[in-house]
Amino acid sequence: MIPSTLIEERIAVIETVMGRRPPTVWLKGGQVFNVYTGRLEKQDVWFGGDRIAYVGSREDGKLIPGDSTEVVDVSGAVLIPGYIEPHSHPFQFYNPVSLTEKVLPLGTTAMIHDNLYFFRSLDERVRKEWMDRLLHSPVHHYWWARLDPQAHLHPDGNPFSLEKVSTALEHPATLQAGELTDWMALLDGDPERVAMVETAHRLGKRVEGHSPGASYRTLSRLAAAGVTGDHESITVEEVHNRLRLGYMTTLRFSSLRPDLPDLIRGLLKGGESVPWHRLMMTTDGPTPPALSQGYVDAMIRVALEAGCPPEYAYPMVTLNPAVYYGLDSHIGGIAPGRSADINILQSLEEPTPLEVFSRGRRVARDGRLTVELPQLDWNRFPAFTSVDWRLKPEDLELSVKKGEPVPVIQLVNPVITHLKWEEEEIEDPTLRDERLFVTLVDPAGRWATRAFLRGFGRGVEGLASSYNGSGDLLVLGQAPEAMAHAANRVLEAGGGIAWIQGGKEHFFLPLPIGGKMSDLPVDELVDRSEELVRKLKEVGHPFHDPIYTFMFLSSTHLPQVRLTCDGLMRIKDREIVVPSVPLT
């Protein structure tokens, strides 16, 4: 059954274009960037309610404004379709609503979200209710359906069954399966994983891969297994490999992997014909500090500065994702019948809009929202912990005998690790100073996995985070008393990041929404996150995005070793090299 609201929307636009109803909005005197032809055309745009009724001259269209028509003079401005973010992770301290508040004034009118922590934490009824509520937002909220948890979970805490994933895929706002981090299960012919992919194809949904560094042969195998797109290209050769194999290929400019300018320059000078219509761009879940520069608008600017012509850059965040996801009759272009999502730009060289229209209404002007957004009741999100136990210092120490080798997680970059074995007694004070205890703790107090960590920073006494890939409590430092203090601060707050130094609270950020997300506005999160990054740099943290390090120390889709509920896991063969221990 087609919702009556959609029928009413279509009738409104028909009545307008037939002259039986006055337009609701008339954008007058601007230049429309036609993403279908790549040309700038001096045309007016008329809205009939939520949708575009006509693009062209008033005389040709024979449209007659009425007293209720809002006439907006956009002379000298450029009209661009609303931007689409095809690969959003809406839980990097922020939440889907606060992210919308930030990025809608910057021109992003559609986002396709990762459902990972919502799927893991919310029951189906609440999740569907929230998805339906967000459908009424000025931003078009679409979703992926994850096929695996991206972390090693206890069987009783893993909801990724074929039945539950299939239900998520059936929701009309779900556009793809993925991103597929555990793709070996697919290539191994696991019947349940294959069935999930086939369910996505049967429903007309896409399948997003996650294949960093994959060879042409591996990418070929994944394509044969049903993967249709991938966003993990780091080199121009990797971009071409994906394009040759029929992948929709997404270029990335994220806080973790800012590869876009090099990829654009490489594509432009490669001497090969580039199928720009098979390319998209993504910010891939930027952490809050990166949002101080913008969102999709900032990414477009980077592409333009790297030499990408506007006729290629803008379709990568408008028409191309709309076509790929089967939405091009609805969004992605300024044409009759499409949702009236339009950014008013000063010029093609300045992608941050002066005004934003979405679903036929002005929603932002001069970088500020002009509408109210639907809110979600975050009290319905399950608490980070529901028990009153607290950690003791001895829960966090790795007990070993003198001279016995101890496991050390060596950070290679913000997300990649190596496993080393070191003697417990270290004579070199420099090496001793930078080695930290690290423990992953069950929020319910049942187990702990312990190791050492090197390469994070020097002299950290106690730092705890509920923000991590497995949803447990990550604790690191050199002083067990400070580590326990920080961990208990997070437990008492129901989630967050706490740092105890010199017996005092050096930093604290509450994350009350499931231990992952804040209810603060994004601009406040930018300031708090920058404070955390700055303080970590002061103790020698060597990498540019430490927030992702918290995320991935317990995420089992990356090499080489990770903290899990069962123990320290070597990812290649899933062997537990140091088992977890029970807590009393």
Protein backbone atom coordinates (compact mmCIF):
# COMPACT_ATOMS: atom_id res chain seq x y z
CA MET A 1 0.00 0.00 0.00
CA ILE A 2 1.39 3.39 -1.05
CA PRO A 3 1.29 5.93 1.82
CA SER A 4 -1.38 8.57 1.28
CA THR A 5 1.16 11.34 1.90
CA LEU A 6 3.13 10.31 -1.20
CA ILE A 7 -0.04 10.38 -3.30
CA GLU A 8 -0.86 13.84 -1.94
CA GLU A 9 2.68 15.07 -2.75
CA ARG A 10 2.38 13.86 -6.34
CA ILE A 11 -1.07 15.38 -6.78
CA ALA A 12 0.24 18.72 -5.48
CA VAL A 13 3.03 18.84 -8.05
CA ILE A 14 0.67 17.78 -10.87
CA GLU A 15 -1.84 20.45 -9.90
CA THR A 16 0.95 23.05 -9.88
CA VAL A 17 2.50 22.16 -13.22
CA MET A 18 -0.97 22.04 -14.82
CA GLY A 19 -1.69 25.57 -13.57
CA ARG A 20 -4.55 24.54 -11.32
CA ARG A 21 -2.65 25.44 -8.14
CA PRO A 22 -0.14 28.26 -7.61
CA PRO A 23 3.49 27.28 -6.96
CA THR A 24 4.53 27.23 -3.33
CA VAL A 25 8.03 28.62 -4.06
CA TRP A 26 9.54 30.40 -7.06
CA LEU A 27 13.35 30.55 -7.21
CA LYS A 28 13.83 33.42 -9.61
CA GLY A 29 16.77 34.58 -11.71
CA GLY A 30 19.45 32.00 -10.83
CA GLN A 31 21.62 29.62 -12.80
CA VAL A 32 20.79 25.94 -12.45
CA PHE A 33 23.69 23.50 -12.55
CA ASN A 34 22.23 20.66 -14.58
CA VAL A 35 23.92 17.51 -13.26
CA TYR A 36 22.46 15.52 -16.16
CA THR A 37 24.27 17.58 -18.79
CA GLY A 38 27.06 19.21 -16.80
CA ARG A 39 25.93 22.68 -17.90
CA LEU A 40 24.95 25.90 -16.18
CA GLU A 41 21.55 27.08 -17.43
CA LYS A 42 19.77 30.33 -16.54
CA GLN A 43 16.42 28.98 -15.40
CA ASP A 44 13.79 29.52 -12.76
CA VAL A 45 12.64 26.71 -10.48
CA TRP A 46 9.09 26.28 -9.26
CA PHE A 47 8.01 24.11 -6.33
CA GLY A 48 4.69 22.37 -5.94
CA GLY A 49 4.82 21.49 -2.28
CA ASP A 50 7.65 19.06 -1.47
CA ARG A 51 8.63 18.55 -5.10
CA ILE A 52 9.92 20.49 -8.06
CA ALA A 53 7.11 21.25 -10.48
CA TYR A 54 8.97 23.00 -13.27
CA VAL A 55 12.46 24.15 -14.32
CA GLY A 56 12.57 26.78 -17.04
CA SER A 57 11.16 30.16 -17.99
CA ARG A 58 7.89 31.41 -16.58
CA GLU A 59 6.53 32.02 -20.04
CA ASP A 60 7.29 28.52 -21.33
CA GLY A 61 5.91 26.88 -18.24
CA LYS A 62 2.86 29.12 -18.10
CA LEU A 63 3.06 29.06 -14.31
CA ILE A 64 1.28 31.83 -12.44
CA PRO A 65 2.44 32.72 -8.93
CA GLY A 66 -0.29 33.31 -6.40
CA ASP A 67 -0.49 35.40 -3.26
CA SER A 68 0.81 32.45 -1.26
CA THR A 69 3.82 31.82 -3.53
CA GLU A 70 7.15 32.58 -1.85
CA VAL A 71 9.26 34.42 -4.41
CA VAL A 72 13.00 34.10 -3.78
CA ASP A 73 15.30 36.23 -5.91
CA VAL A 74 18.46 34.19 -6.52
CA SER A 75 19.90 36.39 -9.25
CA GLY A 76 23.63 35.81 -9.62
CA ALA A 77 23.54 32.60 -7.59
CA VAL A 78 24.04 28.99 -8.66
CA LEU A 79 21.47 26.31 -7.82
CA ILE A 80 22.86 22.85 -7.03
CA PRO A 81 20.99 19.70 -5.96
CA GLY A 82 21.21 18.92 -2.25
CA TYR A 83 24.32 16.91 -1.37
CA ILE A 84 24.20 13.18 -0.65
CA GLU A 85 26.58 11.49 1.81
CA PRO A 86 26.53 7.83 0.68
CA HIS A 87 28.55 6.38 3.56
CA SER A 88 27.68 7.92 6.93
CA HIS A 89 28.67 6.61 10.37
CA PRO A 90 26.28 8.65 12.56
CA PHE A 91 27.78 7.72 15.93
CA GLN A 92 31.25 9.30 16.15
CA PHE A 93 30.41 10.91 19.52
CA TYR A 94 27.56 12.69 17.72
CA ASN A 95 24.20 11.05 16.95
CA PRO A 96 21.99 11.10 13.81
CA VAL A 97 19.99 14.12 15.02
CA SER A 98 22.93 16.24 16.15
CA LEU A 99 24.80 15.34 12.94
CA THR A 100 21.78 16.49 10.93
CA GLU A 101 21.69 19.78 12.84
CA LYS A 102 25.32 20.35 11.86
CA VAL A 103 25.37 19.28 8.22
CA LEU A 104 22.00 20.37 6.88
CA PRO A 105 23.00 24.07 6.88
CA LEU A 106 26.13 22.95 4.98
CA GLY A 107 24.01 21.57 2.16
CA THR A 108 23.74 17.85 2.91
CA THR A 109 20.12 16.87 2.40
CA ALA A 110 20.47 13.07 2.23
CA MET A 111 22.60 10.60 4.20
CA ILE A 112 22.93 6.83 3.95
CA HIS A 113 23.78 5.65 7.46
CA ASP A 114 25.60 2.73 9.01
CA ASN A 115 23.15 0.93 11.31
CA LEU A 116 25.85 -0.93 13.28
CA TYR A 117 25.31 0.19 16.87
CA PHE A 118 21.60 0.79 16.42
CA PHE A 119 21.18 -2.77 15.18
CA ARG A 120 23.31 -4.16 17.99
CA SER A 121 21.60 -2.14 20.72
CA LEU A 122 17.96 -1.48 19.79
CA ASP A 123 15.17 -4.01 19.51
CA GLU A 124 13.47 -4.21 16.14
CA ARG A 125 10.36 -2.30 17.24
CA VAL A 126 12.26 0.75 18.52
CA ARG A 127 14.68 0.72 15.60
CA LYS A 128 11.84 0.71 13.06
CA GLU A 129 9.98 3.42 14.98
CA TRP A 130 13.06 5.65 14.92
CA MET A 131 13.74 4.99 11.23
CA ASP A 132 10.14 5.91 10.43
CA ARG A 133 10.35 9.06 12.55
CA LEU A 134 13.51 10.20 10.80
CA LEU A 135 11.74 9.82 7.46
CA HIS A 136 9.95 13.07 8.37
CA SER A 137 13.21 14.98 8.83
CA PRO A 138 14.23 17.67 6.32
CA VAL A 139 17.21 15.40 5.59
CA HIS A 140 16.46 12.15 3.79
CA HIS A 141 17.74 9.47 6.20
CA TYR A 142 18.55 6.13 4.57
CA TRP A 143 20.39 3.16 6.06
CA TRP A 144 22.66 0.18 5.49
CA ALA A 145 22.01 -3.22 7.04
CA ARG A 146 25.19 -4.62 8.53
CA LEU A 147 25.82 -8.33 8.07
CA ASP A 148 28.40 -8.73 10.83
CA PRO A 149 29.19 -6.96 14.12
CA GLN A 150 32.75 -5.80 13.25
CA ALA A 151 33.77 -7.13 16.67
CA HIS A 152 34.01 -10.49 18.39
CA LEU A 153 30.88 -10.72 20.54
CA HIS A 154 29.54 -13.33 22.91
CA PRO A 155 27.01 -15.54 21.06
CA ASP A 156 24.20 -14.28 23.30
CA GLY A 157 25.07 -10.70 22.35
CA ASN A 158 25.28 -11.15 18.58
CA PRO A 159 22.04 -10.20 16.79
CA PHE A 160 23.37 -10.75 13.25
CA SER A 161 21.23 -13.74 12.32
CA LEU A 162 19.87 -14.22 8.81
CA GLU A 163 16.33 -13.62 10.05
CA LYS A 164 17.13 -10.33 11.78
CA VAL A 165 19.37 -9.02 8.99
CA SER A 166 16.70 -9.89 6.42
CA THR A 167 14.12 -7.93 8.41
CA ALA A 168 16.44 -4.91 8.46
CA LEU A 169 16.99 -5.19 4.70
CA GLU A 170 13.25 -5.21 4.04
CA HIS A 171 12.71 -1.73 5.50
CA PRO A 172 12.11 0.74 2.63
CA ALA A 173 14.70 3.15 4.04
CA THR A 174 17.41 0.47 3.91
CA LEU A 175 19.32 0.76 0.64
CA GLN A 176 22.20 -1.66 0.98
CA ALA A 177 23.81 -4.52 2.85
CA GLY A 178 27.20 -3.91 4.38
CA GLU A 179 29.72 -2.56 4.73
CA LEU A 180 31.04 -6.11 4.55
CA THR A 181 34.01 -6.20 6.91
CA ASP A 182 33.93 -9.98 7.46
CA TRP A 183 34.07 -10.81 3.77
CA MET A 184 36.05 -14.04 4.24
CA ALA A 185 32.84 -15.68 5.46
CA LEU A 186 31.29 -14.83 2.11
CA LEU A 187 34.23 -16.17 0.09
CA ASP A 188 34.31 -19.29 2.27
CA GLY A 189 30.76 -19.97 1.10
CA ASP A 190 29.14 -19.63 4.52
CA PRO A 191 25.47 -20.37 3.69
CA GLU A 192 24.07 -17.74 6.07
CA ARG A 193 26.36 -14.97 4.78
CA VAL A 194 25.60 -15.90 1.16
CA ALA A 195 21.89 -15.88 1.97
CA MET A 196 22.17 -12.37 3.42
CA VAL A 197 23.81 -11.09 0.24
CA GLU A 198 21.25 -12.85 -1.93
CA THR A 199 18.44 -11.37 0.15
CA ALA A 200 19.83 -7.90 -0.53
CA HIS A 201 19.94 -8.59 -4.28
CA ARG A 202 16.43 -10.07 -4.26
CA LEU A 203 15.16 -6.89 -2.62
CA GLY A 204 16.97 -4.68 -5.13
CA LYS A 205 19.50 -3.43 -2.55
CA ARG A 206 23.23 -2.83 -3.04
CA VAL A 207 26.07 -4.63 -1.26
CA GLU A 208 28.92 -2.46 0.03
CA GLY A 209 32.36 -4.02 0.45
CA HIS A 210 35.18 -3.13 2.79
CA SER A 211 38.37 -4.38 1.16
CA PRO A 212 41.40 -2.23 2.02
CA GLY A 213 44.47 -3.30 0.08
CA ALA A 214 42.60 -6.09 -1.71
CA SER A 215 44.19 -7.43 -4.90
CA TYR A 216 42.46 -7.48 -8.25
CA ARG A 217 41.89 -11.23 -7.80
CA THR A 218 40.27 -10.78 -4.39
CA LEU A 219 38.10 -7.95 -5.66
CA SER A 220 37.06 -10.16 -8.59
CA ARG A 221 36.04 -12.91 -6.21
CA LEU A 222 34.03 -10.52 -4.08
CA ALA A 223 32.26 -9.13 -7.15
CA ALA A 224 31.37 -12.68 -8.19
CA ALA A 225 30.03 -13.24 -4.66
CA GLY A 226 27.69 -10.26 -4.97
CA VAL A 227 29.56 -7.16 -3.78
CA THR A 228 28.59 -4.11 -5.88
CA GLY A 229 30.52 -1.19 -4.39
CA ASP A 230 33.59 -0.33 -2.31
CA HIS A 231 35.04 2.79 -0.65
CA GLU A 232 38.50 1.53 0.36
CA SER A 233 40.68 2.67 -2.57
CA ILE A 234 43.93 4.20 -1.36
CA THR A 235 45.77 4.42 -4.70
CA VAL A 236 44.71 5.32 -8.22
CA GLU A 237 45.47 1.75 -9.30
CA GLU A 238 43.01 0.50 -6.69
CA VAL A 239 40.38 2.91 -8.01
CA HIS A 240 40.84 1.60 -11.56
CA ASN A 241 40.75 -2.02 -10.39
CA ARG A 242 37.36 -1.48 -8.82
CA LEU A 243 36.02 0.42 -11.82
CA ARG A 244 37.17 -2.29 -14.22
CA LEU A 245 35.34 -4.90 -12.18
CA GLY A 246 32.03 -3.02 -12.25
CA TYR A 247 32.15 -1.64 -8.72
CA MET A 248 30.56 1.66 -7.87
CA THR A 249 33.73 3.21 -6.45
CA THR A 250 33.72 5.76 -3.66
CA LEU A 251 36.64 8.15 -3.12
CA ARG A 252 37.27 9.00 0.50
CA PHE A 253 38.12 12.16 2.38
CA SER A 254 37.79 11.21 6.02
CA SER A 255 39.52 12.28 9.21
CA LEU A 256 41.23 8.88 9.13
CA ARG A 257 41.92 8.47 5.39
CA PRO A 258 42.11 11.84 3.58
CA ASP A 259 43.03 10.20 0.26
CA LEU A 260 40.74 12.24 -2.00
CA PRO A 261 43.10 14.96 -3.33
CA ASP A 262 45.78 12.46 -4.33
CA LEU A 263 43.21 10.21 -5.99
CA ILE A 264 41.67 13.11 -7.92
CA ARG A 265 45.07 14.33 -9.13
CA GLY A 266 46.07 10.81 -10.09
CA LEU A 267 42.86 10.20 -12.04
CA LEU A 268 43.21 13.49 -13.89
CA LYS A 269 46.80 12.92 -15.00
CA GLY A 270 46.54 9.19 -15.60
CA GLY A 271 45.94 9.49 -19.31
CA GLU A 272 43.00 7.08 -19.12
CA SER A 273 39.39 7.86 -19.76
CA VAL A 274 37.79 8.14 -16.32
CA PRO A 275 34.18 6.94 -15.92
CA TRP A 276 33.23 9.75 -13.57
CA HIS A 277 29.62 8.58 -13.50
CA ARG A 278 30.79 5.45 -11.60
CA LEU A 279 32.45 7.46 -8.82
CA MET A 280 31.10 8.86 -5.56
CA MET A 281 32.74 10.67 -2.64
CA THR A 282 32.38 10.12 1.10
CA THR A 283 33.54 11.65 4.38
CA ASP A 284 33.33 8.11 5.89
CA GLY A 285 32.40 9.06 9.43
CA PRO A 286 34.61 12.01 10.31
CA THR A 287 35.35 12.47 13.99
CA PRO A 288 34.14 15.80 15.45
CA PRO A 289 37.37 17.83 14.96
CA ALA A 290 37.13 17.31 11.19
CA LEU A 291 33.61 18.75 11.16
CA SER A 292 35.00 22.16 12.08
CA GLN A 293 36.02 22.38 8.38
CA GLY A 294 32.63 21.30 7.04
CA TYR A 295 31.12 18.09 5.73
CA VAL A 296 30.30 17.18 2.14
CA ASP A 297 30.76 20.84 1.19
CA ALA A 298 34.35 20.72 2.49
CA MET A 299 34.98 17.51 0.56
CA ILE A 300 33.76 19.12 -2.67
CA ARG A 301 36.09 22.03 -2.04
CA VAL A 302 39.03 19.64 -1.65
CA ALA A 303 38.14 17.94 -4.94
CA LEU A 304 37.87 21.28 -6.75
CA GLU A 305 41.20 22.46 -5.33
CA ALA A 306 42.78 19.21 -6.53
CA GLY A 307 41.70 20.13 -10.06
CA CYS A 308 38.46 18.20 -10.42
CA PRO A 309 36.13 20.10 -12.78
CA PRO A 310 32.77 21.05 -11.24
CA GLU A 311 30.92 18.97 -13.84
CA TYR A 312 32.58 15.89 -12.32
CA ALA A 313 32.82 16.93 -8.66
CA TYR A 314 29.19 17.84 -8.01
CA PRO A 315 27.58 14.75 -9.59
CA MET A 316 29.76 12.55 -7.36
CA VAL A 317 27.73 13.80 -4.38
CA THR A 318 24.36 14.25 -6.09
CA LEU A 319 23.37 12.36 -9.24
CA ASN A 320 25.84 9.46 -9.06
CA PRO A 321 24.81 8.16 -5.62
CA ALA A 322 21.15 8.77 -6.48
CA VAL A 323 21.47 6.63 -9.61
CA TYR A 324 23.45 3.90 -7.85
CA TYR A 325 20.93 3.54 -5.05
CA GLY A 326 17.91 3.76 -7.35
CA LEU A 327 16.87 7.17 -6.02
CA ASP A 328 17.43 9.32 -9.10
CA SER A 329 13.71 9.72 -9.79
CA HIS A 330 13.43 11.19 -6.29
CA ILE A 331 16.66 13.04 -5.38
CA GLY A 332 20.03 13.96 -6.88
CA GLY A 333 19.00 16.50 -9.51
CA ILE A 334 17.07 19.69 -10.13
CA ALA A 335 14.32 18.45 -12.41
CA PRO A 336 10.53 18.12 -12.39
CA GLY A 337 9.17 15.54 -9.98
CA ARG A 338 12.28 15.41 -7.82
CA SER A 339 12.28 16.35 -4.17
CA ALA A 340 12.84 20.10 -3.91
CA ASP A 341 16.31 19.81 -2.33
CA ILE A 342 18.40 22.73 -3.57
CA ASN A 343 21.52 24.51 -2.38
CA ILE A 344 21.89 28.17 -3.28
CA LEU A 345 25.61 28.82 -3.91
CA GLN A 346 27.52 32.00 -4.45
CA SER A 347 29.38 30.20 -7.24
CA LEU A 348 30.49 26.72 -8.30
CA GLU A 349 33.84 27.41 -6.67
CA GLU A 350 32.21 27.89 -3.24
CA PRO A 351 30.27 24.71 -2.32
CA THR A 352 29.09 25.87 1.12
CA PRO A 353 25.56 27.18 0.48
CA LEU A 354 24.09 30.56 1.29
CA GLU A 355 20.65 28.98 1.65
CA VAL A 356 19.35 25.42 1.70
CA PHE A 357 15.95 24.20 0.60
CA SER A 358 14.85 20.66 1.39
CA ARG A 359 11.53 18.98 0.64
CA GLY A 360 10.30 22.32 -0.70
CA ARG A 361 11.06 24.42 2.42
CA ARG A 362 13.88 26.75 3.31
CA VAL A 363 15.68 24.85 6.05
CA ALA A 364 18.86 26.91 6.50
CA ARG A 365 20.23 30.35 5.74
CA ASP A 366 23.72 31.74 6.35
CA GLY A 367 24.82 28.53 8.04
CA ARG A 368 21.90 28.38 10.49
CA LEU A 369 18.90 26.08 10.66
CA THR A 370 15.52 27.72 10.13
CA VAL A 371 13.37 24.66 10.97
CA GLU A 372 12.85 22.28 13.87
CA LEU A 373 14.11 18.71 13.48
CA PRO A 374 12.36 15.53 14.66
CA GLN A 375 13.92 14.39 17.92
CA LEU A 376 14.49 10.89 19.25
CA ASP A 377 13.96 9.76 22.84
CA TRP A 378 17.50 8.75 23.74
CA ASN A 379 16.28 7.40 27.09
CA ARG A 380 15.06 4.39 25.12
CA PHE A 381 18.60 3.58 24.00
CA PRO A 382 19.93 0.78 26.27
CA ALA A 383 22.27 1.97 29.00
CA PHE A 384 25.98 1.25 28.75
CA THR A 385 25.74 -0.80 31.95
CA SER A 386 22.87 -1.74 34.23
CA VAL A 387 24.91 -3.04 37.19
CA ASP A 388 26.51 -1.28 40.15
CA TRP A 389 29.83 -3.12 40.32
CA ARG A 390 33.07 -1.14 40.23
CA LEU A 391 36.60 -2.00 39.11
CA LYS A 392 39.48 -2.51 41.50
CA PRO A 393 43.09 -1.68 40.57
CA GLU A 394 44.07 -5.36 40.63
CA ASP A 395 41.43 -6.08 37.96
CA LEU A 396 43.52 -4.12 35.47
CA GLU A 397 47.04 -5.46 35.94
CA LEU A 398 48.60 -8.14 33.79
CA SER A 399 50.17 -10.51 36.27
CA VAL A 400 53.36 -12.15 34.94
CA LYS A 401 56.49 -13.66 36.41
CA LYS A 402 59.83 -11.91 36.22
CA GLY A 403 61.52 -12.58 32.89
CA GLU A 404 58.35 -14.01 31.34
CA PRO A 405 57.44 -12.62 27.89
CA VAL A 406 54.37 -10.36 27.90
CA PRO A 407 52.06 -9.53 24.98
CA VAL A 408 52.44 -6.00 23.65
CA ILE A 409 50.07 -4.40 21.15
CA GLN A 410 52.21 -2.08 19.01
CA LEU A 411 50.29 0.70 17.26
CA VAL A 412 51.55 1.08 13.69
CA ASN A 413 49.10 3.86 12.84
CA PRO A 414 45.77 4.96 14.37
CA VAL A 415 44.12 1.61 13.54
CA ILE A 416 46.71 -1.03 12.53
CA THR A 417 48.50 -3.06 15.22
CA HIS A 418 51.31 -5.60 15.51
CA LEU A 419 51.78 -8.16 18.27
CA LYS A 420 55.15 -8.23 20.03
CA TRP A 421 56.42 -10.23 22.98
CA GLU A 422 58.67 -8.41 25.44
CA GLU A 423 60.41 -9.29 28.67
CA GLU A 424 58.58 -7.97 31.71
CA GLU A 425 61.64 -6.17 33.06
CA ILE A 426 62.56 -3.21 30.84
CA GLU A 427 65.76 -1.36 31.73
CA ASP A 428 65.48 1.41 29.12
CA PRO A 429 63.46 4.18 30.87
CA THR A 430 62.22 5.57 27.55
CA LEU A 431 60.74 2.25 26.51
CA ARG A 432 59.35 1.70 29.98
CA ASP A 433 57.68 5.11 30.01
CA GLU A 434 55.73 4.55 26.80
CA ARG A 435 54.42 1.07 27.62
CA LEU A 436 50.89 1.10 29.06
CA PHE A 437 48.64 -1.49 30.59
CA VAL A 438 45.56 -1.98 28.42
CA THR A 439 42.46 -3.89 29.49
CA LEU A 440 39.13 -4.55 27.82
CA VAL A 441 36.50 -5.04 30.52
CA ASP A 442 32.97 -6.36 30.35
CA PRO A 443 30.63 -3.51 31.50
CA ALA A 444 28.75 -6.10 33.56
CA GLY A 445 31.93 -7.12 35.38
CA ARG A 446 32.22 -10.70 34.18
CA TRP A 447 35.64 -10.75 32.44
CA ALA A 448 38.72 -8.76 31.47
CA THR A 449 41.28 -9.14 28.67
CA ARG A 450 44.72 -7.75 29.53
CA ALA A 451 47.84 -6.86 27.57
CA PHE A 452 50.33 -4.05 27.16
CA LEU A 453 50.07 -1.22 24.63
CA ARG A 454 52.93 0.65 23.01
CA GLY A 455 52.81 3.65 20.69
CA PHE A 456 49.82 5.46 22.22
CA GLY A 457 51.67 7.99 24.39
CA ARG A 458 53.93 8.38 27.41
CA GLY A 459 53.09 8.69 31.07
CA VAL A 460 49.32 8.28 30.79
CA GLU A 461 48.20 7.27 34.28
CA GLY A 462 44.59 6.26 33.70
CA LEU A 463 42.32 6.63 30.66
CA ALA A 464 39.01 4.82 30.13
CA SER A 465 36.58 4.85 27.20
CA SER A 466 33.19 3.28 26.58
CA TYR A 467 33.57 4.43 22.98
CA ASN A 468 35.06 1.40 21.24
CA GLY A 469 34.18 -1.19 18.63
CA SER A 470 32.95 -3.96 20.90
CA GLY A 471 30.86 -1.81 23.23
CA ASP A 472 32.87 -2.81 26.28
CA LEU A 473 35.03 -0.68 28.60
CA LEU A 474 38.54 0.07 27.33
CA VAL A 475 41.03 1.06 30.04
CA LEU A 476 44.69 1.99 29.57
CA GLY A 477 47.46 3.63 31.55
CA GLN A 478 50.44 3.00 33.81
CA ALA A 479 48.87 3.43 37.26
CA PRO A 480 46.24 0.81 38.14
CA GLU A 481 44.72 3.10 40.76
CA ALA A 482 44.23 5.90 38.21
CA MET A 483 42.98 3.39 35.63
CA ALA A 484 40.35 2.09 38.06
CA HIS A 485 39.40 5.67 38.97
CA ALA A 486 38.90 6.55 35.28
CA ALA A 487 36.99 3.32 34.58
CA ASN A 488 34.63 3.84 37.51
CA ARG A 489 34.04 7.45 36.47
CA VAL A 490 32.84 6.14 33.09
CA LEU A 491 30.69 3.45 34.71
CA GLU A 492 29.07 5.95 37.09
CA ALA A 493 28.31 8.34 34.23
CA GLY A 494 26.74 5.63 32.06
CA GLY A 495 29.43 6.02 29.40
CA GLY A 496 32.12 8.43 28.34
CA ILE A 497 35.85 9.06 28.18
CA ALA A 498 37.65 9.81 31.44
CA TRP A 499 41.33 10.59 32.02
CA ILE A 500 42.82 10.71 35.50
CA GLN A 501 46.28 12.27 35.87
CA GLY A 502 48.03 13.25 39.08
CA GLY A 503 45.02 12.12 41.10
CA LYS A 504 42.75 14.63 39.31
CA GLU A 505 40.29 14.51 36.44
CA HIS A 506 42.35 15.64 33.44
CA PHE A 507 39.55 15.17 30.91
CA PHE A 508 35.98 13.92 30.88
CA LEU A 509 33.41 13.67 28.08
CA PRO A 510 30.09 12.02 28.94
CA LEU A 511 28.64 9.71 26.28
CA PRO A 512 25.27 8.87 27.82
CA ILE A 513 23.68 7.36 24.69
CA GLY A 514 24.77 3.75 24.99
CA GLY A 515 28.33 4.78 25.86
CA LYS A 516 28.89 5.76 22.22
CA MET A 517 27.09 9.02 21.56
CA SER A 518 26.59 12.41 23.14
CA ASP A 519 23.48 14.56 23.29
CA LEU A 520 25.60 17.72 22.96
CA PRO A 521 25.51 19.83 19.76
CA VAL A 522 28.27 18.96 17.33
CA ASP A 523 30.03 22.31 17.74
CA GLU A 524 30.45 21.60 21.45
CA LEU A 525 31.71 18.12 20.64
CA VAL A 526 34.24 19.65 18.26
CA ASP A 527 35.65 21.76 21.10
CA ARG A 528 35.71 18.87 23.59
CA SER A 529 37.23 16.45 21.07
CA GLU A 530 39.91 18.94 20.08
CA GLU A 531 40.73 19.33 23.77
CA LEU A 532 41.19 15.55 24.06
CA VAL A 533 43.37 15.38 20.94
CA ARG A 534 45.48 18.30 22.17
CA LYS A 535 46.05 16.71 25.57
CA LEU A 536 46.98 13.39 23.97
CA LYS A 537 49.49 15.16 21.73
CA GLU A 538 51.05 16.66 24.86
CA VAL A 539 51.90 13.14 26.08
CA GLY A 540 53.34 12.12 22.72
CA HIS A 541 50.40 10.54 20.93
CA PRO A 542 51.85 10.27 17.40
CA PHE A 543 48.77 9.96 15.20
CA HIS A 544 46.30 12.46 13.81
CA ASP A 545 43.04 10.78 14.84
CA PRO A 546 43.26 9.07 18.27
CA ILE A 547 39.47 8.80 18.50
CA TYR A 548 39.61 6.07 15.86
CA THR A 549 42.23 4.25 17.93
CA PHE A 550 39.70 3.90 20.75
CA MET A 551 37.21 2.56 18.23
CA PHE A 552 39.41 -0.07 16.62
CA LEU A 553 41.42 -1.61 19.48
CA SER A 554 38.49 -4.01 19.97
CA SER A 555 37.30 -4.19 16.34
CA THR A 556 38.22 -7.50 14.75
CA HIS A 557 38.10 -6.57 11.06
CA LEU A 558 41.63 -5.10 10.97
CA PRO A 559 45.07 -6.67 11.45
CA GLN A 560 46.94 -7.87 13.43
CA VAL A 561 45.80 -8.29 17.04
CA ARG A 562 42.71 -7.09 18.93
CA LEU A 563 41.21 -7.15 22.40
CA THR A 564 38.07 -9.31 22.62
CA CYS A 565 35.75 -10.83 25.20
CA ASP A 566 37.53 -14.18 24.81
CA GLY A 567 41.02 -12.73 25.04
CA LEU A 568 43.75 -11.17 22.93
CA MET A 569 42.97 -12.37 19.40
CA ARG A 570 45.33 -12.77 16.46
CA ILE A 571 43.09 -11.78 13.57
CA LYS A 572 44.61 -13.82 10.76
CA ASP A 573 43.67 -17.18 12.24
CA ARG A 574 41.31 -15.99 15.04
CA GLU A 575 43.55 -17.63 17.62
CA ILE A 576 43.31 -16.41 21.22
CA VAL A 577 46.94 -15.86 22.22
CA VAL A 578 46.11 -14.67 25.76
CA PRO A 579 42.72 -15.68 27.18
CA SER A 580 40.47 -13.34 29.10
CA VAL A 581 40.15 -13.81 32.86
CA PRO A 582 37.00 -13.89 34.98
CA LEU A 583 36.37 -11.01 37.37
CA THR A 584 34.97 -11.66 40.79
